[in-house]
Amino acid sequence: MIYLIAVVPAILLYLISQYFNHIFNLWLVQPYVYLLGFLIELVILSIAMFFKVKNYLFKSGTAVSVVNNIENEPVTTGNASKKEILSKREIEIITAFAKGFTYQDISDAMFISPHTVRTHIKNIYQKLDINSKAEAVKIAIEQGWL
């Protein structure tokens, strides 16, 4: 759709230079009209591409923002009998799940595979001695990780 919109000025300039050449005596300007049409098309496509990329990267509530908001220090579970430490990446994944993101959303935002996300979840389950993501999110809220 954007490409069709971008092509319209170039086509109009071409038609004007072709069919009104004898009226306006534009034979010297004709190559520049083609160049101008091409430049207008490039500008329109560049602007459209900019907004597409911006919308993709900065959607409100994306997992990308979750990755950037996590502190760099390791966190303990607070359980006195278990002093297991969760890694920064594991805290990021728990936070992303708490915000409702899927395995695929998290893997795309963190540039890892969905299988790696599942592995991190299994490690979290083992370290916290739990069996579900809901329990992990509950512990994360209780510990103040979110």
Foldseek 3Di string as FASTA:
>chain_A
DLLVVLQVQLVVLQCCCPPCCVVVVCPVCNVVSNVVSVVSSVVSVVVVVVVVVCCVVPPPLALLVLLVPADQDWDALPDPVARFIQHSVLLSLLVNVLSPDDLVRNCVNVVHHSVVSVVSVVVLCVRVVHDDSVVVNVSCVVRVRD
